[in-house]
Amino acid sequence: MKRIFVPVIIGLLFLSLAACSKAPATTSADSVSKPAAATANAPDKTQAEPQTPSAPAPALAPPITIPAGTTLRVSLIDAVSSDQSRAGDSFAASLAEPVVSDGQTILARGTKVRGRVVDAKESGRVKGRASIELKLTEVILRDGSAVNISTKPYAAVAPATKKRDAGIIGGGAGLGAVIGAIAGGGKGAAIGAVVGGGAGTGTVLATRGKEIRYAPETRLQFTLTSPIQIQL
């Protein structure tokens, strides 16, 4: 009997040892798997958080219109003249007075403008007075951008010289008469008058009339023929 119980007891000991060795293994596995499950259920911090929409940009104020018929008084920066300028030449100027609408300054004094010589004719020796015609073409805003404009032409014609010419011719004839009288009067006086008159006419033919010359800082006035819009 003792021989039978000894193997049975040994077998029971092996079974109990096997059961004890399995229990810690199961506990260890549970302790490892639980953090993994918790990690799987945790929120993903790598996902981008929703962004708050930015505020819309403020709307630009509507442009202000400068109506046709508005007067632009400018001061020349570049000189222009009937005998030196040519049609198509450009010139620069600045506003001598601000453009104001409803108490608000639209274009400040000193605002740069550009213009163009439409026509320029120098005076002739025999006939034809000097003339010049100008227009404004652009206004330069504070940000440096240019706005096309259209104005009535500024036109000028040199004054006539008929009185001056008559004086020169008359003076020459009088001088000729004096010379003729000294030469012997009568026929000599008549010859002297013709000679003197011819000399006076030659002086007129050799002399040009007055030119039109506008130096820098000369003030001119232009009128808009169409409205322009300015974005302040």
C-alpha atoms as a PDB file:
ATOM      1  CA  MET A   1       0.000   0.000   0.000  1.00  0.00           C
ATOM      2  CA  LYS A   2       2.753   2.393   0.808  1.00  0.00           C
ATOM      3  CA  ARG A   3       4.272   1.702  -2.575  1.00  0.00           C
ATOM      4  CA  ILE A   4       0.967   2.696  -4.236  1.00  0.00           C
ATOM      5  CA  PHE A   5       0.468   5.958  -2.282  1.00  0.00           C
ATOM      6  CA  VAL A   6       3.963   7.264  -2.904  1.00  0.00           C
ATOM      7  CA  PRO A   7       3.527   7.599  -6.720  1.00  0.00           C
ATOM      8  CA  VAL A   8       0.045   9.078  -6.225  1.00  0.00           C
ATOM      9  CA  ILE A   9       1.372  11.675  -3.827  1.00  0.00           C
ATOM     10  CA  ILE A  10       4.220  12.533  -6.187  1.00  0.00           C
ATOM     11  CA  GLY A  11       1.733  12.916  -9.068  1.00  0.00           C
ATOM     12  CA  LEU A  12      -0.451  15.253  -7.018  1.00  0.00           C
ATOM     13  CA  LEU A  13       2.573  17.368  -6.186  1.00  0.00           C
ATOM     14  CA  PHE A  14       3.437  17.706  -9.893  1.00  0.00           C
ATOM     15  CA  LEU A  15      -0.158  18.741 -10.713  1.00  0.00           C
ATOM     16  CA  SER A  16      -0.167  21.360  -7.961  1.00  0.00           C
ATOM     17  CA  LEU A  17       3.165  22.746  -9.141  1.00  0.00           C
ATOM     18  CA  ALA A  18       1.879  22.891 -12.729  1.00  0.00           C
ATOM     19  CA  ALA A  19      -1.250  24.764 -11.619  1.00  0.00           C
ATOM     20  CA  CYS A  20       0.818  27.304  -9.683  1.00  0.00           C
ATOM     21  CA  SER A  21       3.120  27.938 -12.626  1.00  0.00           C
ATOM     22  CA  LYS A  22       0.137  28.659 -14.963  1.00  0.00           C
ATOM     23  CA  ALA A  23      -1.572  31.214 -12.685  1.00  0.00           C
ATOM     24  CA  PRO A  24       1.270  33.783 -12.587  1.00  0.00           C
ATOM     25  CA  ALA A  25       1.661  33.532 -16.402  1.00  0.00           C
ATOM     26  CA  THR A  26      -1.989  34.417 -16.899  1.00  0.00           C
ATOM     27  CA  THR A  27      -1.740  37.375 -14.501  1.00  0.00           C
ATOM     28  CA  SER A  28       1.366  38.680 -16.230  1.00  0.00           C
ATOM     29  CA  ALA A  29      -0.341  38.540 -19.618  1.00  0.00           C
ATOM     30  CA  ASP A  30      -3.377  40.409 -18.283  1.00  0.00           C
ATOM     31  CA  SER A  31      -1.205  43.123 -16.799  1.00  0.00           C
ATOM     32  CA  VAL A  32       0.500  43.652 -20.196  1.00  0.00           C
ATOM     33  CA  SER A  33      -2.661  43.532 -22.295  1.00  0.00           C
ATOM     34  CA  LYS A  34      -4.643  46.021 -20.200  1.00  0.00           C
ATOM     35  CA  PRO A  35      -2.370  49.031 -20.925  1.00  0.00           C
ATOM     36  CA  ALA A  36      -2.491  48.112 -24.604  1.00  0.00           C
ATOM     37  CA  ALA A  37      -6.277  48.170 -24.535  1.00  0.00           C
ATOM     38  CA  ALA A  38      -6.265  51.477 -22.712  1.00  0.00           C
ATOM     39  CA  THR A  39      -3.868  52.918 -25.279  1.00  0.00           C
ATOM     40  CA  ALA A  40      -6.093  51.753 -28.108  1.00  0.00           C
ATOM     41  CA  ASN A  41      -9.117  53.497 -26.587  1.00  0.00           C
ATOM     42  CA  ALA A  42      -7.225  56.771 -25.838  1.00  0.00           C
ATOM     43  CA  PRO A  43      -7.889  59.742 -28.194  1.00  0.00           C
ATOM     44  CA  ASP A  44      -5.373  60.225 -31.020  1.00  0.00           C
ATOM     45  CA  LYS A  45      -3.460  63.373 -30.153  1.00  0.00           C
ATOM     46  CA  THR A  46      -1.791  63.403 -33.578  1.00  0.00           C
ATOM     47  CA  GLN A  47      -5.076  64.364 -35.251  1.00  0.00           C
ATOM     48  CA  ALA A  48      -5.234  68.103 -36.103  1.00  0.00           C
ATOM     49  CA  GLU A  49      -7.505  70.072 -33.873  1.00  0.00           C
ATOM     50  CA  PRO A  50     -10.236  71.995 -35.674  1.00  0.00           C
ATOM     51  CA  GLN A  51      -9.088  75.555 -36.469  1.00  0.00           C
ATOM     52  CA  THR A  52     -11.160  78.577 -35.671  1.00  0.00           C
ATOM     53  CA  PRO A  53     -12.105  80.328 -38.926  1.00  0.00           C
ATOM     54  CA  SER A  54     -10.290  83.660 -39.371  1.00  0.00           C
ATOM     55  CA  ALA A  55     -12.293  86.858 -39.435  1.00  0.00           C
ATOM     56  CA  PRO A  56     -13.134  88.092 -42.964  1.00  0.00           C
ATOM     57  CA  ALA A  57     -11.061  90.984 -44.316  1.00  0.00           C
ATOM     58  CA  PRO A  58     -12.793  94.346 -43.992  1.00  0.00           C
ATOM     59  CA  ALA A  59     -14.517  95.433 -47.197  1.00  0.00           C
ATOM     60  CA  LEU A  60     -12.919  98.280 -49.121  1.00  0.00           C
ATOM     61  CA  ALA A  61     -14.742 101.568 -49.190  1.00  0.00           C
ATOM     62  CA  PRO A  62     -16.363 102.315 -52.550  1.00  0.00           C
ATOM     63  CA  PRO A  63     -14.287 104.527 -54.864  1.00  0.00           C
ATOM     64  CA  ILE A  64     -14.986 108.244 -54.952  1.00  0.00           C
ATOM     65  CA  THR A  65     -15.892 109.797 -58.286  1.00  0.00           C
ATOM     66  CA  ILE A  66     -14.499 113.139 -59.406  1.00  0.00           C
ATOM     67  CA  PRO A  67     -17.066 114.398 -61.930  1.00  0.00           C
ATOM     68  CA  ALA A  68     -16.435 115.751 -65.413  1.00  0.00           C
ATOM     69  CA  GLY A  69     -16.095 119.517 -65.434  1.00  0.00           C
ATOM     70  CA  THR A  70     -13.858 119.551 -62.345  1.00  0.00           C
ATOM     71  CA  THR A  71     -11.049 122.099 -62.619  1.00  0.00           C
ATOM     72  CA  LEU A  72      -7.469 120.931 -62.072  1.00  0.00           C
ATOM     73  CA  ARG A  73      -5.069 123.769 -61.316  1.00  0.00           C
ATOM     74  CA  VAL A  74      -1.498 122.609 -61.775  1.00  0.00           C
ATOM     75  CA  SER A  75       2.015 123.962 -61.403  1.00  0.00           C
ATOM     76  CA  LEU A  76       4.473 122.871 -64.093  1.00  0.00           C
ATOM     77  CA  ILE A  77       7.516 120.821 -63.124  1.00  0.00           C
ATOM     78  CA  ASP A  78       8.896 120.659 -66.671  1.00  0.00           C
ATOM     79  CA  ALA A  79       9.194 123.672 -68.964  1.00  0.00           C
ATOM     80  CA  VAL A  80       7.231 123.702 -72.251  1.00  0.00           C
ATOM     81  CA  SER A  81       7.432 126.143 -75.140  1.00  0.00           C
ATOM     82  CA  SER A  82       6.205 126.713 -78.681  1.00  0.00           C
ATOM     83  CA  ASP A  83       9.713 126.669 -80.163  1.00  0.00           C
ATOM     84  CA  GLN A  84      11.294 123.854 -78.116  1.00  0.00           C
ATOM     85  CA  SER A  85       8.458 121.383 -77.439  1.00  0.00           C
ATOM     86  CA  ARG A  86       7.093 119.025 -80.081  1.00  0.00           C
ATOM     87  CA  ALA A  87       3.748 117.258 -80.455  1.00  0.00           C
ATOM     88  CA  GLY A  88       3.812 114.036 -78.422  1.00  0.00           C
ATOM     89  CA  ASP A  89       6.301 115.287 -75.814  1.00  0.00           C
ATOM     90  CA  SER A  90       5.339 114.530 -72.216  1.00  0.00           C
ATOM     91  CA  PHE A  91       5.658 116.864 -69.241  1.00  0.00           C
ATOM     92  CA  ALA A  92       5.213 116.616 -65.479  1.00  0.00           C
ATOM     93  CA  ALA A  93       3.270 118.885 -63.155  1.00  0.00           C
ATOM     94  CA  SER A  94       1.677 118.849 -59.698  1.00  0.00           C
ATOM     95  CA  LEU A  95      -1.636 120.030 -58.329  1.00  0.00           C
ATOM     96  CA  ALA A  96      -1.352 123.625 -57.149  1.00  0.00           C
ATOM     97  CA  GLU A  97      -4.670 123.253 -55.298  1.00  0.00           C
ATOM     98  CA  PRO A  98      -6.323 120.163 -53.737  1.00  0.00           C
ATOM     99  CA  VAL A  99      -9.430 118.557 -55.218  1.00  0.00           C
ATOM    100  CA  VAL A 100     -12.120 118.521 -52.517  1.00  0.00           C
ATOM    101  CA  SER A 101     -15.565 116.868 -52.574  1.00  0.00           C
ATOM    102  CA  ASP A 102     -18.146 117.212 -49.748  1.00  0.00           C
ATOM    103  CA  GLY A 103     -15.458 118.544 -47.449  1.00  0.00           C
ATOM    104  CA  GLN A 104     -13.163 115.549 -48.090  1.00  0.00           C
ATOM    105  CA  THR A 105      -9.830 115.952 -49.864  1.00  0.00           C
ATOM    106  CA  ILE A 106      -9.742 113.524 -52.771  1.00  0.00           C
ATOM    107  CA  LEU A 107      -6.470 114.669 -54.352  1.00  0.00           C
ATOM    108  CA  ALA A 108      -4.055 116.570 -52.133  1.00  0.00           C
ATOM    109  CA  ARG A 109      -2.084 119.617 -53.151  1.00  0.00           C
ATOM    110  CA  GLY A 110       1.220 118.447 -54.645  1.00  0.00           C
ATOM    111  CA  THR A 111      -0.253 115.297 -56.229  1.00  0.00           C
ATOM    112  CA  LYS A 112       1.789 114.538 -59.336  1.00  0.00           C
ATOM    113  CA  VAL A 113       0.176 114.591 -62.781  1.00  0.00           C
ATOM    114  CA  ARG A 114       1.481 113.923 -66.272  1.00  0.00           C
ATOM    115  CA  GLY A 115       0.579 115.660 -69.493  1.00  0.00           C
ATOM    116  CA  ARG A 116       1.278 115.631 -73.227  1.00  0.00           C
ATOM    117  CA  VAL A 117       2.009 118.305 -75.799  1.00  0.00           C
ATOM    118  CA  VAL A 118      -0.771 118.021 -78.380  1.00  0.00           C
ATOM    119  CA  ASP A 119       0.654 120.650 -80.732  1.00  0.00           C
ATOM    120  CA  ALA A 120       3.412 123.265 -80.736  1.00  0.00           C
ATOM    121  CA  LYS A 121       4.169 125.782 -83.500  1.00  0.00           C
ATOM    122  CA  GLU A 122       6.867 128.399 -83.404  1.00  0.00           C
ATOM    123  CA  SER A 123       6.251 131.830 -84.873  1.00  0.00           C
ATOM    124  CA  GLY A 124       6.945 132.473 -88.566  1.00  0.00           C
ATOM    125  CA  ARG A 125       9.043 135.215 -90.111  1.00  0.00           C
ATOM    126  CA  VAL A 126       6.404 136.317 -92.612  1.00  0.00           C
ATOM    127  CA  LYS A 127       3.193 135.220 -90.964  1.00  0.00           C
ATOM    128  CA  GLY A 128       1.889 132.825 -88.333  1.00  0.00           C
ATOM    129  CA  ARG A 129       1.905 133.361 -84.605  1.00  0.00           C
ATOM    130  CA  ALA A 130       3.368 130.888 -82.135  1.00  0.00           C
ATOM    131  CA  SER A 131       0.895 128.512 -80.478  1.00  0.00           C
ATOM    132  CA  ILE A 132       0.881 125.603 -78.065  1.00  0.00           C
ATOM    133  CA  GLU A 133      -1.717 123.045 -76.951  1.00  0.00           C
ATOM    134  CA  LEU A 134      -1.441 120.835 -73.853  1.00  0.00           C
ATOM    135  CA  LYS A 135      -3.479 118.102 -72.162  1.00  0.00           C
ATOM    136  CA  LEU A 136      -3.269 116.179 -68.888  1.00  0.00           C
ATOM    137  CA  THR A 137      -3.198 112.391 -69.270  1.00  0.00           C
ATOM    138  CA  GLU A 138      -2.544 110.826 -65.833  1.00  0.00           C
ATOM    139  CA  VAL A 139      -2.783 111.487 -62.137  1.00  0.00           C
ATOM    140  CA  ILE A 140      -0.375 109.665 -59.793  1.00  0.00           C
ATOM    141  CA  LEU A 141      -1.952 108.412 -56.550  1.00  0.00           C
ATOM    142  CA  ARG A 142      -0.276 108.102 -53.140  1.00  0.00           C
ATOM    143  CA  ASP A 143       0.517 104.397 -53.667  1.00  0.00           C
ATOM    144  CA  GLY A 144       2.327 105.207 -56.919  1.00  0.00           C
ATOM    145  CA  SER A 145      -0.376 103.870 -59.231  1.00  0.00           C
ATOM    146  CA  ALA A 146      -1.473 105.974 -62.213  1.00  0.00           C
ATOM    147  CA  VAL A 147      -5.055 106.756 -63.197  1.00  0.00           C
ATOM    148  CA  ASN A 148      -5.769 107.821 -66.771  1.00  0.00           C
ATOM    149  CA  ILE A 149      -7.603 111.122 -67.115  1.00  0.00           C
ATOM    150  CA  SER A 150      -8.915 113.193 -70.000  1.00  0.00           C
ATOM    151  CA  THR A 151      -9.004 116.984 -70.034  1.00  0.00           C
ATOM    152  CA  LYS A 152      -9.899 119.759 -72.379  1.00  0.00           C
ATOM    153  CA  PRO A 153      -6.815 121.091 -74.165  1.00  0.00           C
ATOM    154  CA  TYR A 154      -5.095 124.136 -72.749  1.00  0.00           C
ATOM    155  CA  ALA A 155      -4.349 126.271 -75.813  1.00  0.00           C
ATOM    156  CA  ALA A 156      -2.432 129.535 -76.116  1.00  0.00           C
ATOM    157  CA  VAL A 157      -1.484 131.743 -79.061  1.00  0.00           C
ATOM    158  CA  ALA A 158       1.236 134.393 -79.005  1.00  0.00           C
ATOM    159  CA  PRO A 159       0.037 138.010 -79.305  1.00  0.00           C
ATOM    160  CA  ALA A 160       0.043 139.641 -82.746  1.00  0.00           C
ATOM    161  CA  THR A 161       2.955 141.916 -83.691  1.00  0.00           C
ATOM    162  CA  LYS A 162       1.231 144.084 -86.361  1.00  0.00           C
ATOM    163  CA  LYS A 163       1.658 147.299 -84.381  1.00  0.00           C
ATOM    164  CA  ARG A 164       5.295 146.561 -83.773  1.00  0.00           C
ATOM    165  CA  ASP A 165       5.834 145.682 -87.430  1.00  0.00           C
ATOM    166  CA  ALA A 166       4.086 148.862 -88.572  1.00  0.00           C
ATOM    167  CA  GLY A 167       6.263 150.894 -86.247  1.00  0.00           C
ATOM    168  CA  ILE A 168       9.427 149.335 -87.611  1.00  0.00           C
ATOM    169  CA  ILE A 169       8.359 149.874 -91.221  1.00  0.00           C
ATOM    170  CA  GLY A 170       7.181 153.460 -90.529  1.00  0.00           C
ATOM    171  CA  GLY A 171      10.353 154.274 -88.657  1.00  0.00           C
ATOM    172  CA  GLY A 172      12.431 152.985 -91.520  1.00  0.00           C
ATOM    173  CA  ALA A 173      10.507 155.050 -94.050  1.00  0.00           C
ATOM    174  CA  GLY A 174      10.876 158.209 -91.942  1.00  0.00           C
ATOM    175  CA  LEU A 175      14.604 157.639 -91.638  1.00  0.00           C
ATOM    176  CA  GLY A 176      14.829 157.155 -95.399  1.00  0.00           C
ATOM    177  CA  ALA A 177      13.002 160.434 -96.010  1.00  0.00           C
ATOM    178  CA  VAL A 178      15.471 162.273 -93.806  1.00  0.00           C
ATOM    179  CA  ILE A 179      18.379 160.711 -95.679  1.00  0.00           C
ATOM    180  CA  GLY A 180      16.742 161.657 -98.991  1.00  0.00           C
ATOM    181  CA  ALA A 181      16.223 165.253 -97.891  1.00  0.00           C
ATOM    182  CA  ILE A 182      19.836 165.516 -96.922  1.00  0.00           C
ATOM    183  CA  ALA A 183      20.759 164.163-100.326  1.00  0.00           C
ATOM    184  CA  GLY A 184      18.958 166.989-102.108  1.00  0.00           C
ATOM    185  CA  GLY A 185      15.230 167.013-101.330  1.00  0.00           C
ATOM    186  CA  GLY A 186      12.581 166.499-103.992  1.00  0.00           C
ATOM    187  CA  LYS A 187      13.509 163.443-105.992  1.00  0.00           C
ATOM    188  CA  GLY A 188      16.166 162.524-103.462  1.00  0.00           C
ATOM    189  CA  ALA A 189      13.615 162.564-100.682  1.00  0.00           C
ATOM    190  CA  ALA A 190      11.348 160.208-102.585  1.00  0.00           C
ATOM    191  CA  ILE A 191      14.216 157.814-103.265  1.00  0.00           C
ATOM    192  CA  GLY A 192      15.272 157.960 -99.626  1.00  0.00           C
ATOM    193  CA  ALA A 193      11.761 157.140 -98.471  1.00  0.00           C
ATOM    194  CA  VAL A 194      11.624 154.044-100.685  1.00  0.00           C
ATOM    195  CA  VAL A 195      15.036 152.904 -99.520  1.00  0.00           C
ATOM    196  CA  GLY A 196      14.183 153.516 -95.886  1.00  0.00           C
ATOM    197  CA  GLY A 197      10.844 151.719 -96.175  1.00  0.00           C
ATOM    198  CA  GLY A 198      12.546 148.741 -97.777  1.00  0.00           C
ATOM    199  CA  ALA A 199      15.048 148.579 -94.950  1.00  0.00           C
ATOM    200  CA  GLY A 200      12.244 148.541 -92.388  1.00  0.00           C
ATOM    201  CA  THR A 201      10.411 145.705 -94.172  1.00  0.00           C
ATOM    202  CA  GLY A 202      13.600 143.683 -94.285  1.00  0.00           C
ATOM    203  CA  THR A 203      13.942 144.024 -90.524  1.00  0.00           C
ATOM    204  CA  VAL A 204      10.418 142.667 -89.990  1.00  0.00           C
ATOM    205  CA  LEU A 205      11.007 139.714 -92.305  1.00  0.00           C
ATOM    206  CA  ALA A 206      14.206 138.829 -90.491  1.00  0.00           C
ATOM    207  CA  THR A 207      12.588 138.923 -87.022  1.00  0.00           C
ATOM    208  CA  ARG A 208      10.340 136.194 -85.690  1.00  0.00           C
ATOM    209  CA  GLY A 209       7.289 136.945 -83.588  1.00  0.00           C
ATOM    210  CA  LYS A 210       6.966 136.212 -79.903  1.00  0.00           C
ATOM    211  CA  GLU A 211       7.204 132.628 -78.652  1.00  0.00           C
ATOM    212  CA  ILE A 212       5.205 130.990 -75.873  1.00  0.00           C
ATOM    213  CA  ARG A 213       7.451 129.773 -73.094  1.00  0.00           C
ATOM    214  CA  TYR A 214       6.203 128.330 -69.793  1.00  0.00           C
ATOM    215  CA  ALA A 215       8.924 127.879 -67.184  1.00  0.00           C
ATOM    216  CA  PRO A 216       8.723 125.443 -64.227  1.00  0.00           C
ATOM    217  CA  GLU A 217       6.245 126.578 -61.548  1.00  0.00           C
ATOM    218  CA  THR A 218       4.041 128.259 -64.167  1.00  0.00           C
ATOM    219  CA  ARG A 219       0.410 127.685 -63.192  1.00  0.00           C
ATOM    220  CA  LEU A 220      -2.055 126.372 -65.776  1.00  0.00           C
ATOM    221  CA  GLN A 221      -5.681 125.289 -65.550  1.00  0.00           C
ATOM    222  CA  PHE A 222      -7.294 122.186 -67.057  1.00  0.00           C
ATOM    223  CA  THR A 223     -10.866 120.835 -67.022  1.00  0.00           C
ATOM    224  CA  LEU A 224     -11.830 117.150 -66.823  1.00  0.00           C
ATOM    225  CA  THR A 225     -13.896 115.964 -69.797  1.00  0.00           C
ATOM    226  CA  SER A 226     -14.851 112.633 -68.193  1.00  0.00           C
ATOM    227  CA  PRO A 227     -15.238 111.490 -64.557  1.00  0.00           C
ATOM    228  CA  ILE A 228     -12.489 109.584 -62.777  1.00  0.00           C
ATOM    229  CA  GLN A 229     -12.759 107.189 -59.824  1.00  0.00           C
ATOM    230  CA  ILE A 230     -10.282 107.348 -56.953  1.00  0.00           C
ATOM    231  CA  GLN A 231      -9.904 104.560 -54.370  1.00  0.00           C
ATOM    232  CA  LEU A 232      -8.834 106.135 -51.079  1.00  0.00           C
END
